[in-house]
Structure formats: C-alpha cells, structure tokens
C-alpha cells in the first residue's frame, strides 16, 4: 500500500500484520543495543580514558595522536583489543602549511570501512570512539574555506556553508547506522555573552545539530582530586546525580539503578 492512499481505519488484516513487523511495543525494546554518548571537557580531564573503558573491541578514530599513550594504562590483554586509526598521520605539508584534507578523507574512509564491517556482522558488538569530534568539525570548516565558491568580494557564498553541514551529517549517519556503542569526545571552551563577558560555564565545540544525534551528553571536570561526570542531556528522564571517576561499567550501573536502562 502506498503511503497516504487510504486511511488506517481501512487497513486489511494482512496489512496489519505488516504494520506489526515495523512497530513493536516499547516493553519489547527494553534492552538498548548500543548507546551514542558525547563527552566534552577541557584538556586532560579524562575524556579519552573514559572512552577506552567501554566494551571491547574498541575502534578509535584518533585525531590528536594521543590515544596510544592513553591506552598504556590498561592491561596488555585489553590493549590488544583497542584498535587505533591515527588519521592525523595522513596530513601532508603544502607551501609550508599543514594540509589536513587527507586526514579528513582518512576519517571518512575509516568510518566507512568500519561500519561496513559491522553491518556485515550484525551479531557483533563493540565500541566506536571518535577522539576528537571537535577536530573533525574544524577540518570540515577548513575544507569549506579551501573549496567554497566565493563572491566577487572574496567572501564565501552564503549557500556554500551548507556543504560542511551536509558532510558532517553524512559522517554522523554512518555512525548511527551501527548498532555498536559510539563515544564522541569534544573540546570545551568558556561560554561568553555577546559583550564578551563570561557566562560562568563551558560549552562544547561541535556542529550545532550534534546533540540531537546523541543519547547522552556529559561534561567531564577535574576538581583537583577526582574526575567528575556531570550530565548535560539524555533520553533517559534527566540524569541529575554526578558520577565520580566514571568508567563505562560505573555508568551502566548508574543507568540501571537510577533509570532501569540496560544497554546490551
């Protein structure tokens, strides 16, 4: 039946069966298969460390070249199941300037190959880490600066700005089609008013639509002794209590005890 050809009240029994194939009672979907998490914070607060505590195997798209150092605090057995794509190594130098476009291509190729592998093995499970997604958004803006059509005055044509957003959307949907866990790290910076005054909080450096694609958003802060996870948005009924020195396991326990959310 083509969509919109007749009202639902006239649906036949045969067509109702097909509806049940598409729609299931929420209770049957209690256990979530994979969760998409965004973690932001200042430097050296533990974003990468938290990501590397997630379920194995872990595939990391590393834009900073630091993940291999962070992984050394874990056991050798665990390190054998942490796979790192150091995409920054693909950058080249042109006219005495670093050209990051090859790194951007390596990001897209890495995600494409990885998600294809996951789709070909639907019963597999693990974690994809993007560290840092802030870099990817920066690189897309640099790509736009290099490739965009410009006005006679040399400014980027207003319609061109949508190209970077479309590329980022393609990147996100490649991640979302996976049933694996996804952890994206973001850098944060001080939020300021239009007059340049501090607003007293930090905000993540990301593409504006990013939070709509994530199941959980958390800020990591370091208080001088412990790393504190503060929840800034979620699909689970508002997480309010902070989590001290968070790991994947402690987060899963928190979600189960506080909100009866179980991640497969």
Protein backbone atom coordinates (compact mmCIF):
# COMPACT_ATOMS: atom_id res chain seq x y z
CA UNK A 1 0.00 0.00 0.00
CA UNK A 2 1.45 3.35 -0.99
CA UNK A 3 1.67 5.83 1.87
CA UNK A 4 -1.36 8.10 2.12
CA UNK A 5 -3.58 6.21 -0.34
CA UNK A 6 -6.20 5.25 2.23
CA UNK A 7 -6.94 5.86 5.91
CA UNK A 8 -5.56 3.50 8.54
CA UNK A 9 -9.10 2.52 9.61
CA UNK A 10 -9.49 0.73 6.24
CA UNK A 11 -6.32 -1.33 6.67
CA UNK A 12 -6.82 -5.04 5.98
CA UNK A 13 -5.76 -7.84 8.33
CA UNK A 14 -2.90 -8.73 6.00
CA UNK A 15 -1.67 -5.13 6.07
CA UNK A 16 -2.00 -5.00 9.85
CA UNK A 17 0.45 -7.89 10.10
CA UNK A 18 2.95 -5.89 8.10
CA UNK A 19 2.46 -2.97 10.49
CA UNK A 20 3.42 -5.23 13.39
CA UNK A 21 6.63 -6.06 11.59
CA UNK A 22 7.58 -2.38 11.70
CA UNK A 23 6.20 -1.32 15.07
CA UNK A 24 6.82 -3.14 18.36
CA UNK A 25 5.58 -2.43 21.90
CA UNK A 26 8.10 -0.37 23.83
CA UNK A 27 8.34 -3.09 26.51
CA UNK A 28 9.80 -5.44 23.90
CA UNK A 29 12.58 -2.93 23.25
CA UNK A 30 13.70 -2.60 26.87
CA UNK A 31 17.35 -3.53 26.25
CA UNK A 32 19.09 -0.97 24.06
CA UNK A 33 21.59 -2.20 21.50
CA UNK A 34 24.35 0.38 21.60
CA UNK A 35 24.31 3.88 23.01
CA UNK A 36 25.61 7.11 21.48
CA UNK A 37 27.46 9.26 24.03
CA UNK A 38 29.02 12.70 23.72
CA UNK A 39 31.63 13.67 26.32
CA UNK A 40 33.10 17.16 26.46
CA UNK A 41 35.54 18.95 28.69
CA UNK A 42 38.81 20.86 28.97
CA UNK A 43 42.17 19.27 28.30
CA UNK A 44 43.42 16.34 30.38
CA UNK A 45 40.17 15.73 32.30
CA UNK A 46 39.83 12.07 31.29
CA UNK A 47 37.68 12.05 28.15
CA UNK A 48 39.84 9.56 26.27
CA UNK A 49 40.42 7.41 29.35
CA UNK A 50 36.66 7.10 29.90
CA UNK A 51 36.16 6.13 26.25
CA UNK A 52 38.78 3.38 26.49
CA UNK A 53 36.89 1.72 29.37
CA UNK A 54 33.99 0.90 27.02
CA UNK A 55 33.15 -2.63 25.77
CA UNK A 56 35.72 -4.34 23.57
CA UNK A 57 36.68 -4.35 20.83
CA UNK A 58 37.22 -0.62 20.64
CA UNK A 59 37.97 1.10 17.34
CA UNK A 60 39.30 4.63 17.78
CA UNK A 61 39.48 7.35 15.16
CA UNK A 62 42.25 9.40 16.77
CA UNK A 63 42.68 12.96 15.50
CA UNK A 64 45.16 14.01 18.18
CA UNK A 65 47.70 11.19 18.09
CA UNK A 66 47.39 10.69 21.85
CA UNK A 67 45.21 7.61 22.20
CA UNK A 68 48.10 5.15 22.05
CA UNK A 69 49.60 6.88 25.12
CA UNK A 70 46.28 6.78 27.00
CA UNK A 71 45.86 3.09 26.20
CA UNK A 72 49.10 2.14 28.00
CA UNK A 73 47.46 2.42 31.44
CA UNK A 74 45.31 -0.62 30.60
CA UNK A 75 46.33 -4.28 30.66
CA UNK A 76 48.18 -5.76 27.71
CA UNK A 77 45.21 -8.04 27.01
CA UNK A 78 42.92 -5.03 26.77
CA UNK A 79 45.36 -3.13 24.59
CA UNK A 80 45.25 -6.00 22.08
CA UNK A 81 41.57 -5.19 21.51
CA UNK A 82 41.94 -1.42 21.20
CA UNK A 83 42.48 -0.59 17.52
CA UNK A 84 43.56 2.94 16.62
CA UNK A 85 43.40 4.83 13.33
CA UNK A 86 45.77 7.78 13.72
CA UNK A 87 44.23 9.88 10.97
CA UNK A 88 46.41 12.89 11.71
CA UNK A 89 49.32 10.91 10.23
CA UNK A 90 47.71 11.31 6.82
CA UNK A 91 48.16 15.08 6.92
CA UNK A 92 50.65 16.47 4.40
CA UNK A 93 52.53 19.72 4.00
CA UNK A 94 51.99 22.11 1.13
CA UNK A 95 53.58 25.52 0.70
CA UNK A 96 54.92 25.33 4.26
CA UNK A 97 51.41 24.76 5.61
CA UNK A 98 49.88 21.58 7.03
CA UNK A 99 47.17 20.20 4.75
CA UNK A 100 44.60 18.33 6.85
CA UNK A 101 42.33 17.36 3.97
CA UNK A 102 43.99 13.95 3.67
CA UNK A 103 43.29 13.43 7.38
CA UNK A 104 39.65 14.32 6.80
CA UNK A 105 39.48 11.78 3.97
CA UNK A 106 41.08 9.19 6.29
CA UNK A 107 38.36 9.85 8.91
CA UNK A 108 35.58 9.21 6.40
CA UNK A 109 37.30 6.16 4.95
CA UNK A 110 37.97 4.70 8.41
CA UNK A 111 34.32 5.07 9.46
CA UNK A 112 33.07 3.75 6.13
CA UNK A 113 35.20 0.60 6.32
CA UNK A 114 34.38 0.05 9.99
CA UNK A 115 30.61 0.45 9.66
CA UNK A 116 30.59 -1.81 6.59
CA UNK A 117 32.33 -4.49 8.66
CA UNK A 118 29.77 -4.07 11.45
CA UNK A 119 26.83 -4.27 9.03
CA UNK A 120 28.27 -7.47 7.55
CA UNK A 121 28.47 -8.94 11.07
CA UNK A 122 25.13 -7.92 12.66
CA UNK A 123 25.65 -10.07 15.76
CA UNK A 124 28.94 -8.37 16.61
CA UNK A 125 29.26 -5.76 19.35
CA UNK A 126 31.86 -3.27 20.47
CA UNK A 127 32.58 0.46 20.62
CA UNK A 128 33.48 3.17 18.12
CA UNK A 129 35.35 6.15 19.58
CA UNK A 130 35.81 9.47 17.79
CA UNK A 131 38.54 11.40 19.61
CA UNK A 132 38.11 14.27 18.98
CA UNK A 133 34.95 15.09 17.03
CA UNK A 134 35.76 18.78 17.55
CA UNK A 135 38.72 18.33 15.20
CA UNK A 136 36.53 16.78 12.53
CA UNK A 137 34.19 19.76 12.58
CA UNK A 138 37.22 22.11 12.42
CA UNK A 139 38.64 20.20 9.46
CA UNK A 140 35.32 20.37 7.62
CA UNK A 141 35.32 24.13 8.04
CA UNK A 142 38.89 24.28 6.72
CA UNK A 143 37.79 22.13 3.78
CA UNK A 144 35.00 24.63 3.10
CA UNK A 145 37.45 27.53 3.19
CA UNK A 146 39.53 25.80 0.53
CA UNK A 147 36.76 24.62 -1.79
CA UNK A 148 33.85 27.06 -1.45
CA UNK A 149 32.70 29.35 -4.22
CA UNK A 150 33.21 32.99 -3.33
CA UNK A 151 31.60 36.28 -4.16
CA UNK A 152 33.40 38.95 -6.16
CA UNK A 153 34.39 40.48 -2.84
CA UNK A 154 36.16 37.28 -1.84
CA UNK A 155 33.63 36.18 0.78
CA UNK A 156 32.25 32.65 0.88
CA UNK A 157 28.91 32.42 -0.87
CA UNK A 158 26.23 32.07 1.82
CA UNK A 159 24.78 28.90 0.25
CA UNK A 160 28.18 27.21 0.48
CA UNK A 161 28.04 26.90 4.27
CA UNK A 162 25.56 24.06 3.94
CA UNK A 163 28.23 21.84 2.36
CA UNK A 164 30.17 21.39 5.61
CA UNK A 165 26.94 20.63 7.46
CA UNK A 166 25.97 18.00 4.88
CA UNK A 167 29.38 16.33 5.10
CA UNK A 168 29.10 16.24 8.89
CA UNK A 169 25.59 14.81 8.65
CA UNK A 170 26.87 12.03 6.37
CA UNK A 171 29.59 11.29 8.92
CA UNK A 172 27.04 11.11 11.76
CA UNK A 173 24.67 8.85 9.85
CA UNK A 174 27.50 6.44 9.08
CA UNK A 175 27.97 6.16 12.86
CA UNK A 176 24.26 5.94 13.62
CA UNK A 177 23.66 3.03 11.26
CA UNK A 178 25.83 0.91 13.54
CA UNK A 179 24.32 -0.97 16.50
CA UNK A 180 27.61 -0.58 18.38
CA UNK A 181 28.28 1.88 21.15
CA UNK A 182 29.62 5.22 19.95
CA UNK A 183 31.57 7.65 22.13
CA UNK A 184 32.45 11.06 20.73
CA UNK A 185 34.75 13.41 22.61
CA UNK A 186 34.61 17.17 22.24
CA UNK A 187 36.75 20.01 23.49
CA UNK A 188 35.05 22.69 25.54
CA UNK A 189 35.59 26.39 25.88
CA UNK A 190 34.25 29.17 28.05
CA UNK A 191 30.81 30.44 27.09
CA UNK A 192 30.69 34.22 26.71
CA UNK A 193 27.95 36.77 26.11
CA UNK A 194 27.67 38.99 23.04
CA UNK A 195 29.68 41.54 25.02
CA UNK A 196 32.48 39.08 25.66
CA UNK A 197 31.61 38.52 29.33
CA UNK A 198 31.95 35.07 30.86
CA UNK A 199 28.66 33.26 31.42
CA UNK A 200 30.19 31.03 34.09
CA UNK A 201 30.07 27.72 32.26
CA UNK A 202 31.77 25.83 29.44
CA UNK A 203 30.20 24.69 26.21
CA UNK A 204 31.33 22.02 23.73
CA UNK A 205 32.89 22.82 20.38
CA UNK A 206 30.67 20.94 17.95
CA UNK A 207 28.40 21.25 14.97
CA UNK A 208 25.08 22.73 16.11
CA UNK A 209 22.93 19.63 15.39
CA UNK A 210 25.23 17.18 17.18
CA UNK A 211 23.23 16.90 20.45
CA UNK A 212 20.14 15.73 18.58
CA UNK A 213 22.00 12.59 17.46
CA UNK A 214 23.29 11.63 20.91
CA UNK A 215 21.56 9.57 23.61
CA UNK A 216 23.59 11.05 26.44
CA UNK A 217 25.71 14.18 26.80
CA UNK A 218 28.11 14.61 29.70
CA UNK A 219 30.71 17.16 30.76
CA UNK A 220 33.87 15.97 32.48
CA UNK A 221 35.51 18.22 35.06
CA UNK A 222 38.54 17.70 37.26
CA UNK A 223 38.28 19.03 40.82
CA UNK A 224 41.94 18.54 41.66
CA UNK A 225 41.39 15.06 43.07
CA UNK A 226 38.70 13.31 41.04
CA UNK A 227 37.19 13.42 37.58
CA UNK A 228 33.51 14.30 37.82
CA UNK A 229 30.94 13.42 35.15
CA UNK A 230 28.10 15.94 35.02
CA UNK A 231 25.11 15.04 32.88
CA UNK A 232 24.00 17.77 30.48
CA UNK A 233 21.31 15.98 28.47
CA UNK A 234 19.91 12.50 27.91
CA UNK A 235 16.98 10.44 26.66
CA UNK A 236 16.51 8.64 29.98
CA UNK A 237 14.45 11.03 32.08
CA UNK A 238 17.05 13.54 33.21
CA UNK A 239 20.13 12.19 34.94
CA UNK A 240 20.90 14.52 37.83
CA UNK A 241 23.49 12.97 40.15
CA UNK A 242 27.16 13.45 39.30
CA UNK A 243 29.37 10.40 38.74
CA UNK A 244 32.84 10.37 40.32
CA UNK A 245 35.79 8.93 38.37
CA UNK A 246 33.46 7.48 35.73
CA UNK A 247 34.10 4.30 33.79
CA UNK A 248 31.82 2.57 31.34
CA UNK A 249 30.86 -0.03 33.94
CA UNK A 250 30.03 2.55 36.62
CA UNK A 251 27.92 4.49 34.12
CA UNK A 252 25.98 1.35 33.17
CA UNK A 253 25.33 0.56 36.85
CA UNK A 254 24.12 4.14 37.34
CA UNK A 255 21.72 3.94 34.37
CA UNK A 256 20.34 0.59 35.56
CA UNK A 257 19.88 1.59 39.22
CA UNK A 258 18.54 5.10 38.66
CA UNK A 259 16.52 4.73 35.47
CA UNK A 260 16.18 1.00 34.77
CA UNK A 261 18.06 1.44 31.48
CA UNK A 262 20.00 -1.62 30.29
CA UNK A 263 22.48 -1.36 27.42
CA UNK A 264 23.11 -4.65 25.64
